[in-house]
Amino acid sequence: MTQKSPIEQMMDHQSIRKFTNQTIPQEVVNTCIAAGQAASSSSFVQVTSVIQVNSQEARTDLAKAAGGQAYVESAAIFLVFCADLQRNQQICLRQQQQMPTGFTEQTLIASIDTALFAQNVLLAAESLGLGGVFIGGLRNQPEVVTKLLNLPQQVFPIFGLCLGYPDQNPGQKPRLPLSMVLHQDYYSNDGLANLASYDGQISDYYQQRSHGKLKLTFSQHIIKTVVKESRPHMLPYLRSQGFTTR
C-alpha cells in the first residue's frame, strides 16, 4: 500500500464511529499524545491535560453524559482533553507566587491550545491506521464529567476523542468551497454566491450516506443547528471552575 503524504492524510480525514475489537497498545497512545504535545503552545504555557478513561463503568457514564453516544463505550481508547490552568497555578505556588485567574484570555488560550494539541493527536493516530471522532457532547453535562474525572478548579473538559481501528468507511463530507473560507485582504461575503452549488453537494452526500432516507442541504443543516440555544449552561459552569470571571 502506498504511503500517504501528510497532506493526503489530512485531506482523507473521516469521522469514525464504528471500530473493530482490536486493542491499541499503550505505546501507540503515548506516541499520539507526544505528537499532541508537539503542537504550538501560546507563550509555551502548556495548558492541556489529557485523561485516558479505562474504566468501563466510567465510559458508560460518560457516554450517557454525552447524549448516549455508544462509541464512547465501544472505542478501544477514549481520551478527554482538558484545559488546565491548575498545573501552572501549582507551579506558581511552589515559587511563593500568586497566579491571577479568571481572565477570559486565559480561557481562550487554554481552549485554543487544547484544540491544537488534540488535532495533532488525531492526525498522528490516523497516520498509524487508526480512526477517531471528537466528542463535544461531554459539554452537555460538564458537571457530571467534572465529578467523574475528579477535575479540580482551573480545569475543565473541552471534548473527548474516541480512537480505534476503523470498522466503517462513511465517506467524507464535502467541505465549504475555498472561496467561502479564504478571504483576500478583507472580509467578504462574495463567496456565498457558491452556496447553492454547495447545498446540492451536501444534499447528495446525505442521500447517498442514508440510502435516500435523508435529504438535507447545508443551509438546512445550519438552520437546524444554530437557531437553538447552544449549551447556555456553559458560562455558569466555567465560572464555577474559576474560568471567565473577568
C-alpha atoms as a PDB file:
ATOM      1  CA  MET A   1       0.000   0.000   0.000  1.00  0.00           C
ATOM      2  CA  THR A   2       1.330   3.418  -0.982  1.00  0.00           C
ATOM      3  CA  GLN A   3       2.289   5.617   1.949  1.00  0.00           C
ATOM      4  CA  LYS A   4       0.194   8.772   2.058  1.00  0.00           C
ATOM      5  CA  SER A   5       1.841  12.145   2.375  1.00  0.00           C
ATOM      6  CA  PRO A   6       0.938  14.226   5.461  1.00  0.00           C
ATOM      7  CA  ILE A   7      -1.310  16.463   3.344  1.00  0.00           C
ATOM      8  CA  GLU A   8      -3.047  13.466   1.750  1.00  0.00           C
ATOM      9  CA  GLN A   9      -3.576  12.037   5.217  1.00  0.00           C
ATOM     10  CA  MET A  10      -5.218  15.260   6.400  1.00  0.00           C
ATOM     11  CA  MET A  11      -7.363  15.579   3.289  1.00  0.00           C
ATOM     12  CA  ASP A  12      -8.618  11.992   3.678  1.00  0.00           C
ATOM     13  CA  HIS A  13      -9.985  12.554   7.202  1.00  0.00           C
ATOM     14  CA  GLN A  14     -13.285  10.914   8.096  1.00  0.00           C
ATOM     15  CA  SER A  15     -15.003  10.790  11.472  1.00  0.00           C
ATOM     16  CA  ILE A  16     -15.064   7.138  12.539  1.00  0.00           C
ATOM     17  CA  ARG A  17     -17.726   5.960  14.980  1.00  0.00           C
ATOM     18  CA  LYS A  18     -17.559   2.196  14.484  1.00  0.00           C
ATOM     19  CA  PHE A  19     -14.452   0.270  15.472  1.00  0.00           C
ATOM     20  CA  THR A  20     -13.091  -3.269  15.380  1.00  0.00           C
ATOM     21  CA  ASN A  21     -12.310  -5.148  18.593  1.00  0.00           C
ATOM     22  CA  GLN A  22      -8.562  -4.773  18.030  1.00  0.00           C
ATOM     23  CA  THR A  23      -6.779  -3.258  21.005  1.00  0.00           C
ATOM     24  CA  ILE A  24      -4.359  -0.355  20.758  1.00  0.00           C
ATOM     25  CA  PRO A  25      -1.001  -0.792  22.520  1.00  0.00           C
ATOM     26  CA  GLN A  26      -0.305   1.853  25.158  1.00  0.00           C
ATOM     27  CA  GLU A  27       2.909   2.704  23.320  1.00  0.00           C
ATOM     28  CA  VAL A  28       0.828   3.845  20.345  1.00  0.00           C
ATOM     29  CA  VAL A  29      -1.339   6.022  22.590  1.00  0.00           C
ATOM     30  CA  ASN A  30       1.773   7.501  24.183  1.00  0.00           C
ATOM     31  CA  THR A  31       3.196   8.328  20.750  1.00  0.00           C
ATOM     32  CA  CYS A  32      -0.010  10.098  19.739  1.00  0.00           C
ATOM     33  CA  ILE A  33      -0.052  12.121  22.962  1.00  0.00           C
ATOM     34  CA  ALA A  34       3.594  13.083  22.414  1.00  0.00           C
ATOM     35  CA  ALA A  35       2.592  14.297  18.938  1.00  0.00           C
ATOM     36  CA  GLY A  36      -0.100  16.374  20.626  1.00  0.00           C
ATOM     37  CA  GLN A  37       2.498  17.921  22.908  1.00  0.00           C
ATOM     38  CA  ALA A  38       4.461  18.980  19.824  1.00  0.00           C
ATOM     39  CA  ALA A  39       1.669  21.360  18.791  1.00  0.00           C
ATOM     40  CA  SER A  40       2.146  25.100  19.200  1.00  0.00           C
ATOM     41  CA  SER A  41       1.565  26.471  22.702  1.00  0.00           C
ATOM     42  CA  SER A  42       0.786  30.134  23.342  1.00  0.00           C
ATOM     43  CA  SER A  43       3.747  31.619  25.250  1.00  0.00           C
ATOM     44  CA  PHE A  44       4.769  27.993  25.956  1.00  0.00           C
ATOM     45  CA  VAL A  45       2.364  27.803  28.906  1.00  0.00           C
ATOM     46  CA  GLN A  46       1.320  24.198  28.002  1.00  0.00           C
ATOM     47  CA  VAL A  47      -2.189  24.294  29.454  1.00  0.00           C
ATOM     48  CA  THR A  48      -3.577  20.923  28.352  1.00  0.00           C
ATOM     49  CA  SER A  49      -4.132  17.716  30.285  1.00  0.00           C
ATOM     50  CA  VAL A  50      -5.461  14.501  28.766  1.00  0.00           C
ATOM     51  CA  ILE A  51      -7.320  11.832  30.723  1.00  0.00           C
ATOM     52  CA  GLN A  52      -7.321   8.324  29.277  1.00  0.00           C
ATOM     53  CA  VAL A  53     -10.506   6.728  30.599  1.00  0.00           C
ATOM     54  CA  ASN A  54     -10.028   2.970  31.009  1.00  0.00           C
ATOM     55  CA  SER A  55     -12.835   2.129  33.426  1.00  0.00           C
ATOM     56  CA  GLN A  56     -15.788   0.655  31.529  1.00  0.00           C
ATOM     57  CA  GLU A  57     -18.157   1.949  34.194  1.00  0.00           C
ATOM     58  CA  ALA A  58     -16.829   5.476  33.784  1.00  0.00           C
ATOM     59  CA  ARG A  59     -17.040   5.109  29.998  1.00  0.00           C
ATOM     60  CA  THR A  60     -20.694   4.150  30.286  1.00  0.00           C
ATOM     61  CA  ASP A  61     -21.422   7.165  32.463  1.00  0.00           C
ATOM     62  CA  LEU A  62     -19.533   9.474  30.101  1.00  0.00           C
ATOM     63  CA  ALA A  63     -21.429   8.085  27.113  1.00  0.00           C
ATOM     64  CA  LYS A  64     -24.684   8.922  28.875  1.00  0.00           C
ATOM     65  CA  ALA A  65     -23.450  12.387  29.784  1.00  0.00           C
ATOM     66  CA  ALA A  66     -22.530  12.959  26.133  1.00  0.00           C
ATOM     67  CA  GLY A  67     -26.070  12.235  24.986  1.00  0.00           C
ATOM     68  CA  GLY A  68     -25.946   8.451  24.635  1.00  0.00           C
ATOM     69  CA  GLN A  69     -23.060   8.189  22.171  1.00  0.00           C
ATOM     70  CA  ALA A  70     -22.349   4.464  22.323  1.00  0.00           C
ATOM     71  CA  TYR A  71     -18.945   4.688  20.638  1.00  0.00           C
ATOM     72  CA  VAL A  72     -17.608   6.352  23.779  1.00  0.00           C
ATOM     73  CA  GLU A  73     -18.004   2.889  25.285  1.00  0.00           C
ATOM     74  CA  SER A  74     -17.006   0.772  22.279  1.00  0.00           C
ATOM     75  CA  ALA A  75     -13.861   2.564  21.100  1.00  0.00           C
ATOM     76  CA  ALA A  76     -10.568   0.938  22.040  1.00  0.00           C
ATOM     77  CA  ILE A  77      -9.368   4.201  23.595  1.00  0.00           C
ATOM     78  CA  PHE A  78     -11.283   7.169  24.969  1.00  0.00           C
ATOM     79  CA  LEU A  79      -9.448  10.363  25.798  1.00  0.00           C
ATOM     80  CA  VAL A  80     -10.766  13.520  27.445  1.00  0.00           C
ATOM     81  CA  PHE A  81      -8.945  16.751  26.595  1.00  0.00           C
ATOM     82  CA  CYS A  82      -8.982  19.332  29.365  1.00  0.00           C
ATOM     83  CA  ALA A  83      -7.991  22.961  29.558  1.00  0.00           C
ATOM     84  CA  ASP A  84      -5.716  23.010  32.590  1.00  0.00           C
ATOM     85  CA  LEU A  85      -4.612  26.177  34.346  1.00  0.00           C
ATOM     86  CA  GLN A  86      -4.362  24.400  37.691  1.00  0.00           C
ATOM     87  CA  ARG A  87      -0.932  22.925  36.954  1.00  0.00           C
ATOM     88  CA  ASN A  88       0.622  26.336  36.314  1.00  0.00           C
ATOM     89  CA  GLN A  89      -1.151  27.696  39.373  1.00  0.00           C
ATOM     90  CA  GLN A  90       0.539  24.981  41.448  1.00  0.00           C
ATOM     91  CA  ILE A  91       3.910  25.817  39.874  1.00  0.00           C
ATOM     92  CA  CYS A  92       3.474  29.452  40.893  1.00  0.00           C
ATOM     93  CA  LEU A  93       2.521  28.483  44.438  1.00  0.00           C
ATOM     94  CA  ARG A  94       5.685  26.399  44.743  1.00  0.00           C
ATOM     95  CA  GLN A  95       7.612  29.576  43.997  1.00  0.00           C
ATOM     96  CA  GLN A  96       5.540  31.592  46.502  1.00  0.00           C
ATOM     97  CA  GLN A  97       3.844  33.431  43.646  1.00  0.00           C
ATOM     98  CA  GLN A  98       0.120  34.014  43.139  1.00  0.00           C
ATOM     99  CA  MET A  99      -1.207  33.406  39.612  1.00  0.00           C
ATOM    100  CA  PRO A 100      -4.131  35.683  38.694  1.00  0.00           C
ATOM    101  CA  THR A 101      -7.022  33.645  37.286  1.00  0.00           C
ATOM    102  CA  GLY A 102     -10.437  34.173  35.758  1.00  0.00           C
ATOM    103  CA  PHE A 103      -9.359  36.199  32.725  1.00  0.00           C
ATOM    104  CA  THR A 104     -11.276  35.478  29.522  1.00  0.00           C
ATOM    105  CA  GLU A 105      -7.986  35.477  27.610  1.00  0.00           C
ATOM    106  CA  GLN A 106      -6.780  32.576  29.775  1.00  0.00           C
ATOM    107  CA  THR A 107      -9.888  30.606  28.810  1.00  0.00           C
ATOM    108  CA  LEU A 108      -9.274  31.339  25.141  1.00  0.00           C
ATOM    109  CA  ILE A 109      -5.607  30.347  25.305  1.00  0.00           C
ATOM    110  CA  ALA A 110      -6.343  27.114  27.156  1.00  0.00           C
ATOM    111  CA  SER A 111      -9.167  26.192  24.769  1.00  0.00           C
ATOM    112  CA  ILE A 112      -7.243  27.020  21.587  1.00  0.00           C
ATOM    113  CA  ASP A 113      -4.061  25.275  22.696  1.00  0.00           C
ATOM    114  CA  THR A 114      -6.004  22.187  23.764  1.00  0.00           C
ATOM    115  CA  ALA A 115      -7.749  22.037  20.384  1.00  0.00           C
ATOM    116  CA  LEU A 116      -4.386  22.288  18.588  1.00  0.00           C
ATOM    117  CA  PHE A 117      -2.995  19.549  20.849  1.00  0.00           C
ATOM    118  CA  ALA A 118      -5.987  17.278  20.176  1.00  0.00           C
ATOM    119  CA  GLN A 119      -5.889  17.744  16.411  1.00  0.00           C
ATOM    120  CA  ASN A 120      -2.242  16.664  16.419  1.00  0.00           C
ATOM    121  CA  VAL A 121      -3.216  13.573  18.398  1.00  0.00           C
ATOM    122  CA  LEU A 122      -5.876  12.605  15.860  1.00  0.00           C
ATOM    123  CA  LEU A 123      -3.580  13.253  12.897  1.00  0.00           C
ATOM    124  CA  ALA A 124      -0.897  11.093  14.484  1.00  0.00           C
ATOM    125  CA  ALA A 125      -3.438   8.345  15.184  1.00  0.00           C
ATOM    126  CA  GLU A 126      -4.728   8.421  11.600  1.00  0.00           C
ATOM    127  CA  SER A 127      -1.169   8.193  10.269  1.00  0.00           C
ATOM    128  CA  LEU A 128      -0.851   4.933  12.245  1.00  0.00           C
ATOM    129  CA  GLY A 129      -4.000   3.424  10.741  1.00  0.00           C
ATOM    130  CA  LEU A 130      -6.416   4.428  13.497  1.00  0.00           C
ATOM    131  CA  GLY A 131      -9.635   6.372  13.167  1.00  0.00           C
ATOM    132  CA  GLY A 132     -11.467   8.592  15.582  1.00  0.00           C
ATOM    133  CA  VAL A 133     -14.167  11.107  16.335  1.00  0.00           C
ATOM    134  CA  PHE A 134     -14.240  14.071  18.695  1.00  0.00           C
ATOM    135  CA  ILE A 135     -16.989  14.121  21.334  1.00  0.00           C
ATOM    136  CA  GLY A 136     -18.114  17.672  22.088  1.00  0.00           C
ATOM    137  CA  GLY A 137     -21.183  16.177  23.753  1.00  0.00           C
ATOM    138  CA  LEU A 138     -19.224  15.974  27.015  1.00  0.00           C
ATOM    139  CA  ARG A 139     -20.175  19.623  27.408  1.00  0.00           C
ATOM    140  CA  ASN A 140     -23.849  18.604  27.624  1.00  0.00           C
ATOM    141  CA  GLN A 141     -23.306  17.752  31.283  1.00  0.00           C
ATOM    142  CA  PRO A 142     -19.939  19.256  32.259  1.00  0.00           C
ATOM    143  CA  GLU A 143     -20.632  18.985  35.989  1.00  0.00           C
ATOM    144  CA  VAL A 144     -21.136  15.215  35.650  1.00  0.00           C
ATOM    145  CA  VAL A 145     -17.914  14.873  33.653  1.00  0.00           C
ATOM    146  CA  THR A 146     -16.043  17.018  36.181  1.00  0.00           C
ATOM    147  CA  LYS A 147     -17.179  14.798  39.036  1.00  0.00           C
ATOM    148  CA  LEU A 148     -16.460  11.539  37.187  1.00  0.00           C
ATOM    149  CA  LEU A 149     -12.925  12.648  36.311  1.00  0.00           C
ATOM    150  CA  ASN A 150     -12.214  14.402  39.623  1.00  0.00           C
ATOM    151  CA  LEU A 151     -11.343  17.667  37.902  1.00  0.00           C
ATOM    152  CA  PRO A 152     -10.184  20.401  40.280  1.00  0.00           C
ATOM    153  CA  GLN A 153     -10.722  24.141  39.996  1.00  0.00           C
ATOM    154  CA  GLN A 154      -8.989  25.698  36.972  1.00  0.00           C
ATOM    155  CA  VAL A 155      -9.563  22.558  34.871  1.00  0.00           C
ATOM    156  CA  PHE A 156     -12.480  21.872  32.538  1.00  0.00           C
ATOM    157  CA  PRO A 157     -13.233  19.232  29.871  1.00  0.00           C
ATOM    158  CA  ILE A 158     -13.368  20.613  26.338  1.00  0.00           C
ATOM    159  CA  PHE A 159     -14.146  17.415  24.422  1.00  0.00           C
ATOM    160  CA  GLY A 160     -13.410  13.717  24.201  1.00  0.00           C
ATOM    161  CA  LEU A 161     -11.811  11.610  21.466  1.00  0.00           C
ATOM    162  CA  CYS A 162     -12.700   8.042  20.554  1.00  0.00           C
ATOM    163  CA  LEU A 163      -9.858   6.110  18.925  1.00  0.00           C
ATOM    164  CA  GLY A 164      -9.803   2.655  17.390  1.00  0.00           C
ATOM    165  CA  TYR A 165      -9.209   0.673  14.237  1.00  0.00           C
ATOM    166  CA  PRO A 166     -11.951   1.657  11.757  1.00  0.00           C
ATOM    167  CA  ASP A 167     -14.774  -0.768  11.014  1.00  0.00           C
ATOM    168  CA  GLN A 168     -16.545   1.548   8.572  1.00  0.00           C
ATOM    169  CA  ASN A 169     -15.886   3.823   5.633  1.00  0.00           C
ATOM    170  CA  PRO A 170     -18.584   6.501   5.929  1.00  0.00           C
ATOM    171  CA  GLY A 171     -17.193   8.761   3.224  1.00  0.00           C
ATOM    172  CA  GLN A 172     -16.043  12.346   3.511  1.00  0.00           C
ATOM    173  CA  LYS A 173     -18.393  15.263   3.993  1.00  0.00           C
ATOM    174  CA  PRO A 174     -17.636  17.838   1.291  1.00  0.00           C
ATOM    175  CA  ARG A 175     -16.244  20.981   2.878  1.00  0.00           C
ATOM    176  CA  LEU A 176     -17.231  24.540   2.037  1.00  0.00           C
ATOM    177  CA  PRO A 177     -15.809  25.909  -1.225  1.00  0.00           C
ATOM    178  CA  LEU A 178     -12.476  27.606  -0.662  1.00  0.00           C
ATOM    179  CA  SER A 179     -13.983  30.850  -1.971  1.00  0.00           C
ATOM    180  CA  MET A 180     -16.284  30.940   1.071  1.00  0.00           C
ATOM    181  CA  VAL A 181     -13.449  30.378   3.538  1.00  0.00           C
ATOM    182  CA  LEU A 182     -10.352  32.110   2.172  1.00  0.00           C
ATOM    183  CA  HIS A 183     -10.678  35.921   2.063  1.00  0.00           C
ATOM    184  CA  GLN A 184      -8.193  38.239   0.365  1.00  0.00           C
ATOM    185  CA  ASP A 185      -7.202  41.468   2.150  1.00  0.00           C
ATOM    186  CA  TYR A 186     -10.626  41.951   3.782  1.00  0.00           C
ATOM    187  CA  TYR A 187     -13.713  40.001   4.815  1.00  0.00           C
ATOM    188  CA  SER A 188     -16.230  39.482   2.026  1.00  0.00           C
ATOM    189  CA  ASN A 189     -19.484  37.572   1.565  1.00  0.00           C
ATOM    190  CA  ASP A 190     -18.941  37.231  -2.192  1.00  0.00           C
ATOM    191  CA  GLY A 191     -18.265  33.526  -1.729  1.00  0.00           C
ATOM    192  CA  LEU A 192     -21.898  32.978  -0.769  1.00  0.00           C
ATOM    193  CA  ALA A 193     -22.607  33.010  -4.497  1.00  0.00           C
ATOM    194  CA  ASN A 194     -21.431  29.390  -4.444  1.00  0.00           C
ATOM    195  CA  LEU A 195     -23.799  28.354  -1.639  1.00  0.00           C
ATOM    196  CA  ALA A 196     -26.484  26.855  -3.901  1.00  0.00           C
ATOM    197  CA  SER A 197     -23.967  24.541  -5.537  1.00  0.00           C
ATOM    198  CA  TYR A 198     -22.594  23.504  -2.155  1.00  0.00           C
ATOM    199  CA  ASP A 199     -26.124  22.881  -0.849  1.00  0.00           C
ATOM    200  CA  GLY A 200     -26.540  20.419  -3.700  1.00  0.00           C
ATOM    201  CA  GLN A 201     -23.287  18.650  -2.856  1.00  0.00           C
ATOM    202  CA  ILE A 202     -24.285  18.196   0.774  1.00  0.00           C
ATOM    203  CA  SER A 203     -27.774  17.018  -0.174  1.00  0.00           C
ATOM    204  CA  ASP A 204     -26.259  14.398  -2.479  1.00  0.00           C
ATOM    205  CA  TYR A 205     -23.856  13.329   0.280  1.00  0.00           C
ATOM    206  CA  TYR A 206     -26.611  12.808   2.854  1.00  0.00           C
ATOM    207  CA  GLN A 207     -28.844  10.967   0.401  1.00  0.00           C
ATOM    208  CA  GLN A 208     -26.007   8.621  -0.557  1.00  0.00           C
ATOM    209  CA  ARG A 209     -24.936   8.020   3.042  1.00  0.00           C
ATOM    210  CA  SER A 210     -28.522   7.416   4.242  1.00  0.00           C
ATOM    211  CA  HIS A 211     -29.530   5.385   1.183  1.00  0.00           C
ATOM    212  CA  GLY A 212     -32.085   8.008   0.234  1.00  0.00           C
ATOM    213  CA  LYS A 213     -33.619   8.421   3.695  1.00  0.00           C
ATOM    214  CA  LEU A 214     -32.168  11.876   4.416  1.00  0.00           C
ATOM    215  CA  LYS A 215     -32.262  14.856   2.101  1.00  0.00           C
ATOM    216  CA  LEU A 216     -30.642  17.825   3.806  1.00  0.00           C
ATOM    217  CA  THR A 217     -28.788  20.786   2.349  1.00  0.00           C
ATOM    218  CA  PHE A 218     -26.037  22.615   4.181  1.00  0.00           C
ATOM    219  CA  SER A 219     -28.309  25.639   4.614  1.00  0.00           C
ATOM    220  CA  GLN A 220     -30.982  23.430   6.183  1.00  0.00           C
ATOM    221  CA  HIS A 221     -28.374  21.826   8.422  1.00  0.00           C
ATOM    222  CA  ILE A 222     -27.199  25.254   9.616  1.00  0.00           C
ATOM    223  CA  ILE A 223     -30.733  26.409  10.358  1.00  0.00           C
ATOM    224  CA  LYS A 224     -31.433  23.177  12.237  1.00  0.00           C
ATOM    225  CA  THR A 225     -28.222  23.522  14.245  1.00  0.00           C
ATOM    226  CA  VAL A 226     -27.719  27.189  15.091  1.00  0.00           C
ATOM    227  CA  VAL A 227     -31.189  28.617  15.675  1.00  0.00           C
ATOM    228  CA  LYS A 228     -31.423  26.890  19.060  1.00  0.00           C
ATOM    229  CA  GLU A 229     -29.560  27.811  22.228  1.00  0.00           C
ATOM    230  CA  SER A 230     -26.190  26.110  22.382  1.00  0.00           C
ATOM    231  CA  ARG A 231     -25.378  24.886  25.889  1.00  0.00           C
ATOM    232  CA  PRO A 232     -26.260  28.070  27.781  1.00  0.00           C
ATOM    233  CA  HIS A 233     -25.167  26.297  30.967  1.00  0.00           C
ATOM    234  CA  MET A 234     -21.511  26.542  29.939  1.00  0.00           C
ATOM    235  CA  LEU A 235     -20.916  30.102  31.176  1.00  0.00           C
ATOM    236  CA  PRO A 236     -22.047  29.450  34.763  1.00  0.00           C
ATOM    237  CA  TYR A 237     -20.174  26.129  34.702  1.00  0.00           C
ATOM    238  CA  LEU A 238     -16.946  27.776  33.528  1.00  0.00           C
ATOM    239  CA  ARG A 239     -17.278  30.420  36.213  1.00  0.00           C
ATOM    240  CA  SER A 240     -17.820  27.722  38.841  1.00  0.00           C
ATOM    241  CA  GLN A 241     -14.491  26.196  37.736  1.00  0.00           C
ATOM    242  CA  GLY A 242     -12.728  29.572  38.019  1.00  0.00           C
ATOM    243  CA  PHE A 243     -12.736  30.485  34.322  1.00  0.00           C
ATOM    244  CA  THR A 244     -14.046  33.613  32.546  1.00  0.00           C
ATOM    245  CA  THR A 245     -14.929  35.537  35.678  1.00  0.00           C
ATOM    246  CA  ARG A 246     -13.494  38.769  34.259  1.00  0.00           C
END
